[in-house]
C-alpha atoms as a PDB file:
ATOM      1  CA  UNK A   1      93.115 -46.893 -97.203  1.00  0.00           C
ATOM      2  CA  UNK A   2      90.108 -47.028 -99.539  1.00  0.00           C
ATOM      3  CA  UNK A   3      92.022 -45.076-102.226  1.00  0.00           C
ATOM      4  CA  UNK A   4      94.983 -47.449-101.903  1.00  0.00           C
ATOM      5  CA  UNK A   5      92.653 -50.446-102.343  1.00  0.00           C
ATOM      6  CA  UNK A   6      91.151 -48.876-105.490  1.00  0.00           C
ATOM      7  CA  UNK A   7      94.612 -48.220-106.926  1.00  0.00           C
ATOM      8  CA  UNK A   8      95.652 -51.816-106.225  1.00  0.00           C
ATOM      9  CA  UNK A   9      92.506 -53.111-107.978  1.00  0.00           C
ATOM     10  CA  UNK A  10      93.110 -50.870-110.992  1.00  0.00           C
ATOM     11  CA  UNK A  11      96.749 -51.967-111.184  1.00  0.00           C
ATOM     12  CA  UNK A  12      95.759 -55.650-110.976  1.00  0.00           C
ATOM     13  CA  UNK A  13      93.124 -55.153-113.698  1.00  0.00           C
ATOM     14  CA  UNK A  14      95.655 -53.346-115.888  1.00  0.00           C
ATOM     15  CA  UNK A  15      98.176 -56.200-115.527  1.00  0.00           C
ATOM     16  CA  UNK A  16      95.523 -58.768-116.437  1.00  0.00           C
ATOM     17  CA  UNK A  17      93.984 -56.943-119.404  1.00  0.00           C
ATOM     18  CA  UNK A  18      97.066 -55.251-120.775  1.00  0.00           C
ATOM     19  CA  UNK A  19      98.488 -58.205-122.681  1.00  0.00           C
ATOM     20  CA  UNK A  20     101.153 -56.104-124.375  1.00  0.00           C
ATOM     21  CA  UNK A  21     103.806 -56.177-121.680  1.00  0.00           C
ATOM     22  CA  UNK A  22     107.084 -54.509-122.593  1.00  0.00           C
ATOM     23  CA  UNK A  23     109.697 -57.235-122.840  1.00  0.00           C
ATOM     24  CA  UNK A  24     113.221 -56.895-124.199  1.00  0.00           C
ATOM     25  CA  UNK A  25     113.872 -59.126-127.264  1.00  0.00           C
ATOM     26  CA  UNK A  26     116.232 -61.928-126.274  1.00  0.00           C
ATOM     27  CA  UNK A  27     118.302 -63.655-129.007  1.00  0.00           C
ATOM     28  CA  UNK A  28     117.235 -67.297-129.285  1.00  0.00           C
ATOM     29  CA  UNK A  29     114.351 -66.734-126.885  1.00  0.00           C
ATOM     30  CA  UNK A  30     111.883 -64.812-129.059  1.00  0.00           C
ATOM     31  CA  UNK A  31     109.220 -66.762-130.926  1.00  0.00           C
ATOM     32  CA  UNK A  32     106.346 -66.214-133.323  1.00  0.00           C
ATOM     33  CA  UNK A  33     103.028 -67.802-132.469  1.00  0.00           C
ATOM     34  CA  UNK A  34      99.513 -68.017-133.912  1.00  0.00           C
ATOM     35  CA  UNK A  35      96.561 -67.546-131.571  1.00  0.00           C
ATOM     36  CA  UNK A  36      94.193 -70.398-132.414  1.00  0.00           C
ATOM     37  CA  UNK A  37      90.850 -68.677-131.783  1.00  0.00           C
ATOM     38  CA  UNK A  38      91.446 -65.303-133.426  1.00  0.00           C
ATOM     39  CA  UNK A  39      94.189 -66.311-135.901  1.00  0.00           C
ATOM     40  CA  UNK A  40      96.361 -63.396-134.729  1.00  0.00           C
ATOM     41  CA  UNK A  41     100.109 -63.756-135.223  1.00  0.00           C
ATOM     42  CA  UNK A  42     102.116 -62.636-132.208  1.00  0.00           C
ATOM     43  CA  UNK A  43     105.713 -62.303-131.032  1.00  0.00           C
ATOM     44  CA  UNK A  44     106.148 -63.946-127.660  1.00  0.00           C
ATOM     45  CA  UNK A  45     108.847 -64.649-125.103  1.00  0.00           C
ATOM     46  CA  UNK A  46     109.035 -67.351-122.408  1.00  0.00           C
ATOM     47  CA  UNK A  47     110.774 -67.217-119.060  1.00  0.00           C
ATOM     48  CA  UNK A  48     114.430 -68.308-119.074  1.00  0.00           C
ATOM     49  CA  UNK A  49     113.682 -71.698-117.489  1.00  0.00           C
ATOM     50  CA  UNK A  50     111.028 -72.579-120.097  1.00  0.00           C
ATOM     51  CA  UNK A  51     112.054 -74.761-123.070  1.00  0.00           C
ATOM     52  CA  UNK A  52     110.108 -73.915-126.236  1.00  0.00           C
ATOM     53  CA  UNK A  53     110.120 -75.754-129.566  1.00  0.00           C
ATOM     54  CA  UNK A  54     108.397 -75.217-132.886  1.00  0.00           C
ATOM     55  CA  UNK A  55     104.905 -76.697-132.918  1.00  0.00           C
ATOM     56  CA  UNK A  56     104.384 -76.431-129.148  1.00  0.00           C
ATOM     57  CA  UNK A  57     100.983 -75.325-127.920  1.00  0.00           C
ATOM     58  CA  UNK A  58     101.252 -72.612-125.305  1.00  0.00           C
ATOM     59  CA  UNK A  59      99.103 -70.498-123.023  1.00  0.00           C
ATOM     60  CA  UNK A  60      99.943 -66.829-123.540  1.00  0.00           C
ATOM     61  CA  UNK A  61      98.636 -63.358-122.796  1.00  0.00           C
ATOM     62  CA  UNK A  62      97.074 -61.721-125.870  1.00  0.00           C
ATOM     63  CA  UNK A  63      95.447 -58.352-126.402  1.00  0.00           C
ATOM     64  CA  UNK A  64      92.102 -59.935-125.480  1.00  0.00           C
ATOM     65  CA  UNK A  65      93.269 -61.956-122.478  1.00  0.00           C
ATOM     66  CA  UNK A  66      94.749 -65.385-121.835  1.00  0.00           C
ATOM     67  CA  UNK A  67      94.471 -67.744-124.823  1.00  0.00           C
ATOM     68  CA  UNK A  68      95.837 -70.857-126.526  1.00  0.00           C
ATOM     69  CA  UNK A  69      98.447 -70.405-129.279  1.00  0.00           C
ATOM     70  CA  UNK A  70     100.864 -72.518-131.299  1.00  0.00           C
ATOM     71  CA  UNK A  71     104.553 -71.764-131.772  1.00  0.00           C
ATOM     72  CA  UNK A  72     105.416 -71.210-135.450  1.00  0.00           C
ATOM     73  CA  UNK A  73     109.168 -70.789-135.025  1.00  0.00           C
ATOM     74  CA  UNK A  74     111.984 -68.634-133.622  1.00  0.00           C
ATOM     75  CA  UNK A  75     112.497 -64.997-134.624  1.00  0.00           C
ATOM     76  CA  UNK A  76     115.922 -64.270-136.109  1.00  0.00           C
ATOM     77  CA  UNK A  77     115.519 -60.606-137.086  1.00  0.00           C
ATOM     78  CA  UNK A  78     115.130 -58.911-133.705  1.00  0.00           C
ATOM     79  CA  UNK A  79     115.501 -55.414-135.186  1.00  0.00           C
ATOM     80  CA  UNK A  80     112.023 -55.640-136.721  1.00  0.00           C
ATOM     81  CA  UNK A  81     110.338 -56.420-133.385  1.00  0.00           C
ATOM     82  CA  UNK A  82     109.015 -53.709-131.074  1.00  0.00           C
ATOM     83  CA  UNK A  83     109.267 -54.372-127.348  1.00  0.00           C
ATOM     84  CA  UNK A  84     105.659 -53.224-126.876  1.00  0.00           C
ATOM     85  CA  UNK A  85     104.501 -55.927-129.270  1.00  0.00           C
ATOM     86  CA  UNK A  86     105.962 -58.932-127.408  1.00  0.00           C
ATOM     87  CA  UNK A  87     103.531 -61.131-125.494  1.00  0.00           C
ATOM     88  CA  UNK A  88     104.413 -63.168-122.435  1.00  0.00           C
ATOM     89  CA  UNK A  89     104.169 -66.965-122.537  1.00  0.00           C
ATOM     90  CA  UNK A  90     102.472 -68.184-119.359  1.00  0.00           C
ATOM     91  CA  UNK A  91     103.204 -71.892-119.793  1.00  0.00           C
ATOM     92  CA  UNK A  92     103.386 -74.750-122.262  1.00  0.00           C
ATOM     93  CA  UNK A  93      99.888 -76.145-122.764  1.00  0.00           C
ATOM     94  CA  UNK A  94      99.170 -79.452-121.043  1.00  0.00           C
ATOM     95  CA  UNK A  95      96.695 -82.145-122.092  1.00  0.00           C
ATOM     96  CA  UNK A  96      94.299 -80.668-119.558  1.00  0.00           C
ATOM     97  CA  UNK A  97      94.668 -77.228-121.222  1.00  0.00           C
ATOM     98  CA  UNK A  98      93.941 -78.658-124.676  1.00  0.00           C
ATOM     99  CA  UNK A  99      90.905 -80.499-123.358  1.00  0.00           C
ATOM    100  CA  UNK A 100      89.681 -77.310-121.725  1.00  0.00           C
ATOM    101  CA  UNK A 101      90.172 -75.411-124.978  1.00  0.00           C
ATOM    102  CA  UNK A 102      88.017 -77.948-126.838  1.00  0.00           C
ATOM    103  CA  UNK A 103      85.298 -77.527-124.216  1.00  0.00           C
ATOM    104  CA  UNK A 104      85.462 -73.747-124.578  1.00  0.00           C
ATOM    105  CA  UNK A 105      85.180 -74.100-128.359  1.00  0.00           C
ATOM    106  CA  UNK A 106      81.882 -75.970-127.904  1.00  0.00           C
ATOM    107  CA  UNK A 107      80.645 -73.276-125.521  1.00  0.00           C
ATOM    108  CA  UNK A 108      81.698 -70.669-128.078  1.00  0.00           C
ATOM    109  CA  UNK A 109      79.560 -72.330-130.763  1.00  0.00           C
ATOM    110  CA  UNK A 110      76.541 -72.266-128.445  1.00  0.00           C
ATOM    111  CA  UNK A 111      77.223 -68.600-127.675  1.00  0.00           C
ATOM    112  CA  UNK A 112      77.396 -67.945-131.430  1.00  0.00           C
ATOM    113  CA  UNK A 113      73.938 -69.477-131.933  1.00  0.00           C
ATOM    114  CA  UNK A 114      72.473 -67.480-129.049  1.00  0.00           C
ATOM    115  CA  UNK A 115      74.004 -64.246-130.323  1.00  0.00           C
ATOM    116  CA  UNK A 116      72.703 -64.901-133.861  1.00  0.00           C
ATOM    117  CA  UNK A 117      69.178 -65.383-132.485  1.00  0.00           C
ATOM    118  CA  UNK A 118      69.365 -62.133-130.499  1.00  0.00           C
ATOM    119  CA  UNK A 119      70.627 -60.237-133.562  1.00  0.00           C
ATOM    120  CA  UNK A 120      67.620 -61.491-135.528  1.00  0.00           C
ATOM    121  CA  UNK A 121      65.224 -60.597-132.719  1.00  0.00           C
ATOM    122  CA  UNK A 122      66.610 -57.065-132.439  1.00  0.00           C
ATOM    123  CA  UNK A 123      66.794 -56.760-136.266  1.00  0.00           C
ATOM    124  CA  UNK A 124      70.338 -55.409-136.171  1.00  0.00           C
ATOM    125  CA  UNK A 125      72.095 -54.794-139.511  1.00  0.00           C
ATOM    126  CA  UNK A 126      75.187 -56.835-138.672  1.00  0.00           C
ATOM    127  CA  UNK A 127      76.730 -60.175-139.641  1.00  0.00           C
ATOM    128  CA  UNK A 128      78.174 -62.301-136.853  1.00  0.00           C
ATOM    129  CA  UNK A 129      81.546 -63.789-137.876  1.00  0.00           C
ATOM    130  CA  UNK A 130      82.845 -65.715-134.877  1.00  0.00           C
ATOM    131  CA  UNK A 131      82.740 -66.024-131.119  1.00  0.00           C
ATOM    132  CA  UNK A 132      84.995 -67.528-128.484  1.00  0.00           C
ATOM    133  CA  UNK A 133      85.692 -67.623-124.780  1.00  0.00           C
ATOM    134  CA  UNK A 134      89.059 -66.385-123.591  1.00  0.00           C
ATOM    135  CA  UNK A 135      91.014 -69.188-121.936  1.00  0.00           C
ATOM    136  CA  UNK A 136      90.547 -67.700-118.461  1.00  0.00           C
ATOM    137  CA  UNK A 137      86.783 -67.507-119.173  1.00  0.00           C
ATOM    138  CA  UNK A 138      86.707 -63.870-118.090  1.00  0.00           C
ATOM    139  CA  UNK A 139      84.794 -62.830-121.191  1.00  0.00           C
ATOM    140  CA  UNK A 140      83.261 -63.903-124.498  1.00  0.00           C
ATOM    141  CA  UNK A 141      84.411 -62.194-127.687  1.00  0.00           C
ATOM    142  CA  UNK A 142      82.061 -61.720-130.636  1.00  0.00           C
ATOM    143  CA  UNK A 143      83.393 -60.487-133.997  1.00  0.00           C
ATOM    144  CA  UNK A 144      80.994 -59.045-136.545  1.00  0.00           C
ATOM    145  CA  UNK A 145      80.890 -57.056-139.787  1.00  0.00           C
ATOM    146  CA  UNK A 146      78.496 -54.248-140.667  1.00  0.00           C
ATOM    147  CA  UNK A 147      78.273 -51.595-143.361  1.00  0.00           C
ATOM    148  CA  UNK A 148      77.499 -48.885-140.822  1.00  0.00           C
ATOM    149  CA  UNK A 149      77.948 -48.269-137.135  1.00  0.00           C
ATOM    150  CA  UNK A 150      75.659 -50.474-135.024  1.00  0.00           C
ATOM    151  CA  UNK A 151      74.136 -49.667-131.643  1.00  0.00           C
ATOM    152  CA  UNK A 152      74.512 -53.037-129.925  1.00  0.00           C
ATOM    153  CA  UNK A 153      74.049 -51.960-126.310  1.00  0.00           C
ATOM    154  CA  UNK A 154      70.770 -53.851-125.954  1.00  0.00           C
ATOM    155  CA  UNK A 155      72.377 -56.916-127.531  1.00  0.00           C
ATOM    156  CA  UNK A 156      75.228 -56.803-124.993  1.00  0.00           C
ATOM    157  CA  UNK A 157      72.750 -56.524-122.135  1.00  0.00           C
ATOM    158  CA  UNK A 158      70.738 -59.531-123.317  1.00  0.00           C
ATOM    159  CA  UNK A 159      73.862 -61.661-123.881  1.00  0.00           C
ATOM    160  CA  UNK A 160      75.361 -60.770-120.512  1.00  0.00           C
ATOM    161  CA  UNK A 161      72.090 -61.670-118.788  1.00  0.00           C
ATOM    162  CA  UNK A 162      71.809 -65.063-120.500  1.00  0.00           C
ATOM    163  CA  UNK A 163      75.481 -66.115-120.684  1.00  0.00           C
ATOM    164  CA  UNK A 164      76.530 -64.675-117.295  1.00  0.00           C
ATOM    165  CA  UNK A 165      79.860 -63.472-118.697  1.00  0.00           C
ATOM    166  CA  UNK A 166      81.480 -60.226-119.656  1.00  0.00           C
ATOM    167  CA  UNK A 167      80.553 -59.582-123.313  1.00  0.00           C
ATOM    168  CA  UNK A 168      82.807 -57.859-125.836  1.00  0.00           C
ATOM    169  CA  UNK A 169      81.642 -57.141-129.403  1.00  0.00           C
ATOM    170  CA  UNK A 170      84.208 -56.050-131.982  1.00  0.00           C
ATOM    171  CA  UNK A 171      83.414 -54.768-135.457  1.00  0.00           C
ATOM    172  CA  UNK A 172      85.882 -55.931-138.124  1.00  0.00           C
ATOM    173  CA  UNK A 173      86.289 -55.261-141.854  1.00  0.00           C
ATOM    174  CA  UNK A 174      85.647 -57.695-144.707  1.00  0.00           C
ATOM    175  CA  UNK A 175      89.373 -58.511-145.065  1.00  0.00           C
ATOM    176  CA  UNK A 176      89.611 -59.278-141.355  1.00  0.00           C
ATOM    177  CA  UNK A 177      86.598 -61.583-141.631  1.00  0.00           C
ATOM    178  CA  UNK A 178      88.430 -63.629-144.262  1.00  0.00           C
ATOM    179  CA  UNK A 179      91.531 -63.685-142.049  1.00  0.00           C
ATOM    180  CA  UNK A 180      89.582 -65.016-139.068  1.00  0.00           C
ATOM    181  CA  UNK A 181      87.396 -67.558-140.901  1.00  0.00           C
ATOM    182  CA  UNK A 182      89.982 -68.804-143.442  1.00  0.00           C
ATOM    183  CA  UNK A 183      89.466 -70.862-146.597  1.00  0.00           C
ATOM    184  CA  UNK A 184      91.109 -71.895-149.873  1.00  0.00           C
ATOM    185  CA  UNK A 185      92.117 -69.249-152.432  1.00  0.00           C
ATOM    186  CA  UNK A 186      92.002 -69.479-156.254  1.00  0.00           C
ATOM    187  CA  UNK A 187      95.642 -70.627-156.239  1.00  0.00           C
ATOM    188  CA  UNK A 188      94.648 -73.730-154.281  1.00  0.00           C
ATOM    189  CA  UNK A 189      96.440 -72.656-151.099  1.00  0.00           C
ATOM    190  CA  UNK A 190      95.032 -71.339-147.817  1.00  0.00           C
ATOM    191  CA  UNK A 191      94.296 -67.625-147.716  1.00  0.00           C
ATOM    192  CA  UNK A 192      97.529 -65.684-147.134  1.00  0.00           C
ATOM    193  CA  UNK A 193      95.891 -63.513-144.466  1.00  0.00           C
ATOM    194  CA  UNK A 194      94.844 -66.653-142.588  1.00  0.00           C
ATOM    195  CA  UNK A 195      97.930 -68.851-142.963  1.00  0.00           C
ATOM    196  CA  UNK A 196     100.929 -66.530-143.428  1.00  0.00           C
ATOM    197  CA  UNK A 197     100.341 -63.184-141.746  1.00  0.00           C
ATOM    198  CA  UNK A 198      97.628 -61.079-140.155  1.00  0.00           C
ATOM    199  CA  UNK A 199      99.296 -57.824-141.207  1.00  0.00           C
ATOM    200  CA  UNK A 200      96.911 -56.641-143.934  1.00  0.00           C
ATOM    201  CA  UNK A 201      98.985 -54.295-146.107  1.00  0.00           C
ATOM    202  CA  UNK A 202      97.299 -51.790-148.398  1.00  0.00           C
ATOM    203  CA  UNK A 203      96.858 -53.124-151.957  1.00  0.00           C
ATOM    204  CA  UNK A 204      96.052 -50.925-154.964  1.00  0.00           C
ATOM    205  CA  UNK A 205      95.110 -51.528-158.607  1.00  0.00           C
ATOM    206  CA  UNK A 206      98.388 -49.805-159.543  1.00  0.00           C
ATOM    207  CA  UNK A 207     100.215 -52.903-158.263  1.00  0.00           C
ATOM    208  CA  UNK A 208      98.362 -55.018-160.828  1.00  0.00           C
ATOM    209  CA  UNK A 209      99.273 -52.572-163.603  1.00  0.00           C
ATOM    210  CA  UNK A 210     102.966 -52.668-162.713  1.00  0.00           C
ATOM    211  CA  UNK A 211     102.909 -56.480-162.951  1.00  0.00           C
ATOM    212  CA  UNK A 212     100.977 -56.482-166.267  1.00  0.00           C
ATOM    213  CA  UNK A 213      98.137 -58.402-164.655  1.00  0.00           C
ATOM    214  CA  UNK A 214      94.476 -58.381-165.624  1.00  0.00           C
ATOM    215  CA  UNK A 215      92.640 -55.284-164.434  1.00  0.00           C
ATOM    216  CA  UNK A 216      89.421 -57.301-164.184  1.00  0.00           C
ATOM    217  CA  UNK A 217      88.426 -56.791-160.551  1.00  0.00           C
ATOM    218  CA  UNK A 218      86.663 -60.164-160.440  1.00  0.00           C
ATOM    219  CA  UNK A 219      89.968 -61.911-161.213  1.00  0.00           C
ATOM    220  CA  UNK A 220      92.132 -59.623-159.090  1.00  0.00           C
ATOM    221  CA  UNK A 221      89.909 -59.772-155.986  1.00  0.00           C
ATOM    222  CA  UNK A 222      89.667 -62.325-153.209  1.00  0.00           C
ATOM    223  CA  UNK A 223      86.606 -63.685-151.380  1.00  0.00           C
ATOM    224  CA  UNK A 224      86.557 -60.536-149.245  1.00  0.00           C
ATOM    225  CA  UNK A 225      85.864 -58.541-152.457  1.00  0.00           C
ATOM    226  CA  UNK A 226      89.122 -56.678-151.914  1.00  0.00           C
ATOM    227  CA  UNK A 227      92.234 -56.824-154.095  1.00  0.00           C
ATOM    228  CA  UNK A 228      94.371 -59.943-153.581  1.00  0.00           C
ATOM    229  CA  UNK A 229      97.006 -59.592-150.853  1.00  0.00           C
ATOM    230  CA  UNK A 230      99.553 -61.414-153.033  1.00  0.00           C
ATOM    231  CA  UNK A 231      99.630 -58.471-155.466  1.00  0.00           C
ATOM    232  CA  UNK A 232     102.053 -56.803-153.065  1.00  0.00           C
ATOM    233  CA  UNK A 233     104.424 -59.778-152.666  1.00  0.00           C
ATOM    234  CA  UNK A 234     106.434 -59.400-155.899  1.00  0.00           C
ATOM    235  CA  UNK A 235     105.817 -55.698-156.461  1.00  0.00           C
ATOM    236  CA  UNK A 236     109.377 -54.754-155.482  1.00  0.00           C
ATOM    237  CA  UNK A 237     110.882 -57.212-157.986  1.00  0.00           C
ATOM    238  CA  UNK A 238     108.586 -56.066-160.785  1.00  0.00           C
ATOM    239  CA  UNK A 239     109.301 -52.403-160.032  1.00  0.00           C
ATOM    240  CA  UNK A 240     113.043 -53.092-160.273  1.00  0.00           C
ATOM    241  CA  UNK A 241     112.656 -55.055-163.526  1.00  0.00           C
ATOM    242  CA  UNK A 242     110.564 -52.315-165.127  1.00  0.00           C
ATOM    243  CA  UNK A 243     113.441 -49.890-164.758  1.00  0.00           C
ATOM    244  CA  UNK A 244     115.600 -52.229-166.864  1.00  0.00           C
ATOM    245  CA  UNK A 245     113.049 -52.579-169.676  1.00  0.00           C
ATOM    246  CA  UNK A 246     111.313 -50.152-172.036  1.00  0.00           C
ATOM    247  CA  UNK A 247     107.675 -49.354-171.440  1.00  0.00           C
ATOM    248  CA  UNK A 248     104.937 -50.347-173.843  1.00  0.00           C
ATOM    249  CA  UNK A 249     104.755 -47.801-176.655  1.00  0.00           C
ATOM    250  CA  UNK A 250     108.472 -46.894-176.555  1.00  0.00           C
ATOM    251  CA  UNK A 251     110.181 -46.683-179.975  1.00  0.00           C
ATOM    252  CA  UNK A 252     113.387 -48.496-180.901  1.00  0.00           C
ATOM    253  CA  UNK A 253     115.294 -48.193-184.197  1.00  0.00           C
ATOM    254  CA  UNK A 254     116.764 -51.348-185.717  1.00  0.00           C
ATOM    255  CA  UNK A 255     118.315 -51.675-189.184  1.00  0.00           C
ATOM    256  CA  UNK A 256     116.632 -48.471-190.390  1.00  0.00           C
ATOM    257  CA  UNK A 257     113.175 -49.497-189.160  1.00  0.00           C
ATOM    258  CA  UNK A 258     111.336 -47.871-186.253  1.00  0.00           C
ATOM    259  CA  UNK A 259     109.778 -50.498-183.999  1.00  0.00           C
ATOM    260  CA  UNK A 260     107.304 -49.927-181.191  1.00  0.00           C
ATOM    261  CA  UNK A 261     107.290 -51.932-177.971  1.00  0.00           C
ATOM    262  CA  UNK A 262     104.038 -53.879-177.944  1.00  0.00           C
ATOM    263  CA  UNK A 263     104.403 -56.392-175.132  1.00  0.00           C
ATOM    264  CA  UNK A 264     106.777 -56.746-172.202  1.00  0.00           C
ATOM    265  CA  UNK A 265     106.890 -60.097-170.384  1.00  0.00           C
ATOM    266  CA  UNK A 266     108.788 -59.557-167.174  1.00  0.00           C
ATOM    267  CA  UNK A 267     108.833 -63.214-166.168  1.00  0.00           C
ATOM    268  CA  UNK A 268     110.416 -64.491-169.390  1.00  0.00           C
ATOM    269  CA  UNK A 269     112.213 -61.133-169.887  1.00  0.00           C
ATOM    270  CA  UNK A 270     111.096 -61.099-173.535  1.00  0.00           C
ATOM    271  CA  UNK A 271     109.951 -58.008-175.427  1.00  0.00           C
ATOM    272  CA  UNK A 272     107.783 -57.927-178.563  1.00  0.00           C
ATOM    273  CA  UNK A 273     108.595 -55.156-181.073  1.00  0.00           C
ATOM    274  CA  UNK A 274     106.186 -54.228-183.889  1.00  0.00           C
ATOM    275  CA  UNK A 275     106.678 -52.119-187.028  1.00  0.00           C
ATOM    276  CA  UNK A 276     104.511 -51.036-189.966  1.00  0.00           C
ATOM    277  CA  UNK A 277     103.693 -53.655-192.538  1.00  0.00           C
ATOM    278  CA  UNK A 278     103.126 -56.327-189.909  1.00  0.00           C
ATOM    279  CA  UNK A 279     106.814 -56.771-189.148  1.00  0.00           C
ATOM    280  CA  UNK A 280     107.549 -58.156-185.710  1.00  0.00           C
ATOM    281  CA  UNK A 281     110.626 -59.239-183.774  1.00  0.00           C
ATOM    282  CA  UNK A 282     111.074 -60.724-180.319  1.00  0.00           C
ATOM    283  CA  UNK A 283     114.084 -59.702-178.253  1.00  0.00           C
ATOM    284  CA  UNK A 284     115.398 -60.522-174.791  1.00  0.00           C
ATOM    285  CA  UNK A 285     115.649 -57.763-172.204  1.00  0.00           C
ATOM    286  CA  UNK A 286     119.419 -58.202-172.125  1.00  0.00           C
ATOM    287  CA  UNK A 287     119.567 -57.209-175.822  1.00  0.00           C
ATOM    288  CA  UNK A 288     118.234 -53.704-175.123  1.00  0.00           C
ATOM    289  CA  UNK A 289     120.010 -50.907-173.245  1.00  0.00           C
ATOM    290  CA  UNK A 290     119.282 -47.293-172.444  1.00  0.00           C
ATOM    291  CA  UNK A 291     120.850 -44.615-174.627  1.00  0.00           C
ATOM    292  CA  UNK A 292     122.826 -41.871-172.941  1.00  0.00           C
ATOM    293  CA  UNK A 293     120.549 -39.168-174.347  1.00  0.00           C
ATOM    294  CA  UNK A 294     117.385 -40.991-173.414  1.00  0.00           C
ATOM    295  CA  UNK A 295     115.410 -43.735-175.109  1.00  0.00           C
ATOM    296  CA  UNK A 296     116.456 -47.323-175.900  1.00  0.00           C
ATOM    297  CA  UNK A 297     118.570 -49.151-178.422  1.00  0.00           C
ATOM    298  CA  UNK A 298     119.523 -52.700-179.359  1.00  0.00           C
ATOM    299  CA  UNK A 299     123.054 -53.605-178.311  1.00  0.00           C
ATOM    300  CA  UNK A 300     125.415 -53.895-181.268  1.00  0.00           C
ATOM    301  CA  UNK A 301     126.899 -57.158-179.971  1.00  0.00           C
ATOM    302  CA  UNK A 302     123.423 -58.724-179.954  1.00  0.00           C
ATOM    303  CA  UNK A 303     122.421 -57.934-183.569  1.00  0.00           C
ATOM    304  CA  UNK A 304     123.569 -61.286-185.047  1.00  0.00           C
ATOM    305  CA  UNK A 305     122.052 -63.180-182.149  1.00  0.00           C
ATOM    306  CA  UNK A 306     118.829 -61.272-182.642  1.00  0.00           C
ATOM    307  CA  UNK A 307     118.728 -62.114-186.346  1.00  0.00           C
ATOM    308  CA  UNK A 308     119.156 -65.828-185.639  1.00  0.00           C
ATOM    309  CA  UNK A 309     116.413 -65.809-182.995  1.00  0.00           C
ATOM    310  CA  UNK A 310     113.903 -64.119-185.288  1.00  0.00           C
ATOM    311  CA  UNK A 311     114.661 -66.020-188.465  1.00  0.00           C
ATOM    312  CA  UNK A 312     111.372 -67.127-189.979  1.00  0.00           C
ATOM    313  CA  UNK A 313     109.192 -64.740-187.945  1.00  0.00           C
END
């Protein structure tokens, strides 16, 4: 009997804490939502008798527990969604739920101050990023960054004693800190990782090279001191365009003169060709084609057009 009771307790705990219940994607009944406290973007599904609309605030099960989220919109491409990644919507948030969330936010700020004081007292090499109570008040989550691994066992003990709650500390990276905190980027819009998606794809300096962007890391990096997420957005288009244009340094013969490709502007699809003696011509990408034996040439039907475009250069 005792073993059965233990199994029942474990099963109940697993159902409560395992927020990733396996649900089958249902056309027209699968939604994308943003968890307010952690800024996680989740796929979620309501029960059949629940009417959901874009902009609704909902109470849903997340990987950390029950929390408040906002519906962003329906999911049309079900093939891209894994059943293990769908969260269950508990209910549409009521005025009472929203009021309770605001109260928990205030408690979270107090918990943040207390945790910051304890970190200073213990002289731990860590930076506290955020804190919040789960909606069911089962635990308090603290997110922090640190250059190295931190032994925070004493910190957890002190917090649990003072706050009388289950304490969970999670170490995150610099990019995740920016995603959680948010802010305005150099483009004048909200950070992509905070407002569009929480899926932080790998970004490399090679992406900047392909797009002919500045290799100055200060210009190509965000507030997290990592390369800008948006470098990956148009990479596929630029990679496709590069195949249709000669690379810088390629040689092209025109009217008995050997020109060298000096600049390739993929946005305007214009190419600058330079020759000895300071000669220069500007051609459109459509004026140049690949030769069957390799290399590039100017299309014969574009020669007159090319001459008119470069008259006076």
